Amino acid sequence: MSDNEDPDTPAPGKGQHSKPHEPFVPPGAESTRELREMARRRREAEEKLQQHLQEAKEKPAED
């Protein structure tokens, strides 16, 4: 047996709950989410632009 199996010691994180769990949402969470979404969209737009530029470079000029 190991030392962690002592029946008198409560398991970590179990028991001793004084009130129901309420998720903590910091006041900056919404703005952080918005910034991450904006950054994701910007990355996708830059990737798309690079792809278009690469395709335009490979395509022969038609005049």
Protein backbone atom coordinates (compact mmCIF):
# COMPACT_ATOMS: atom_id res chain seq x y z
CA MET A 1 0.00 0.00 0.00
CA SER A 2 1.07 3.57 -0.55
CA ASP A 3 0.84 6.54 1.80
CA ASN A 4 -1.90 8.13 -0.37
CA GLU A 5 -4.47 5.47 0.55
CA ASP A 6 -4.98 6.52 4.19
CA PRO A 7 -8.76 6.27 4.79
CA ASP A 8 -8.74 9.07 7.41
CA THR A 9 -7.34 11.62 4.94
CA PRO A 10 -9.98 13.17 2.64
CA ALA A 11 -9.18 13.16 -1.05
CA PRO A 12 -8.03 16.53 -2.37
CA GLY A 13 -10.83 18.55 -3.87
CA LYS A 14 -13.59 16.46 -2.28
CA GLY A 15 -15.86 17.37 0.61
CA GLN A 16 -15.61 20.63 2.53
CA HIS A 17 -17.80 22.59 0.07
CA SER A 18 -19.30 25.54 1.92
CA LYS A 19 -21.42 26.81 -0.99
CA PRO A 20 -22.33 25.74 -4.52
CA HIS A 21 -19.73 26.41 -7.18
CA GLU A 22 -20.30 29.61 -9.13
CA PRO A 23 -18.06 30.16 -12.15
CA PHE A 24 -15.85 33.21 -11.78
CA VAL A 25 -15.92 35.41 -14.87
CA PRO A 26 -13.46 38.27 -14.63
CA PRO A 27 -14.70 41.62 -15.93
CA GLY A 28 -12.16 41.59 -18.78
CA ALA A 29 -13.21 38.18 -20.10
CA GLU A 30 -15.57 39.55 -22.77
CA SER A 31 -13.04 42.02 -24.14
CA THR A 32 -10.35 39.33 -24.13
CA ARG A 33 -12.62 37.01 -26.09
CA GLU A 34 -13.33 39.78 -28.59
CA LEU A 35 -9.62 40.51 -29.04
CA ARG A 36 -8.87 36.83 -29.62
CA GLU A 37 -11.67 36.59 -32.17
CA MET A 38 -10.36 39.70 -33.96
CA ALA A 39 -6.83 38.28 -34.02
CA ARG A 40 -8.10 34.98 -35.41
CA ARG A 41 -10.00 36.76 -38.19
CA ARG A 42 -6.95 38.89 -39.01
CA ARG A 43 -4.72 35.81 -39.25
CA GLU A 44 -7.22 34.09 -41.55
CA ALA A 45 -7.47 37.22 -43.74
CA GLU A 46 -3.67 37.49 -43.97
CA GLU A 47 -3.39 33.81 -44.92
CA LYS A 48 -6.04 34.27 -47.59
CA LEU A 49 -4.27 37.37 -48.93
CA GLN A 50 -0.94 35.51 -49.09
CA GLN A 51 -2.64 32.69 -50.97
CA HIS A 52 -4.15 35.11 -53.49
CA LEU A 53 -0.84 36.90 -53.95
CA GLN A 54 0.94 33.59 -54.52
CA GLU A 55 -1.69 32.53 -57.07
CA ALA A 56 -1.41 35.90 -58.85
CA LYS A 57 2.39 35.57 -58.99
CA GLU A 58 2.20 32.07 -60.50
CA LYS A 59 -0.51 33.01 -63.02
CA PRO A 60 0.86 34.35 -66.32
CA ALA A 61 -0.01 37.96 -67.05
CA GLU A 62 -2.89 38.33 -69.49
CA ASP A 63 -3.05 41.64 -71.32
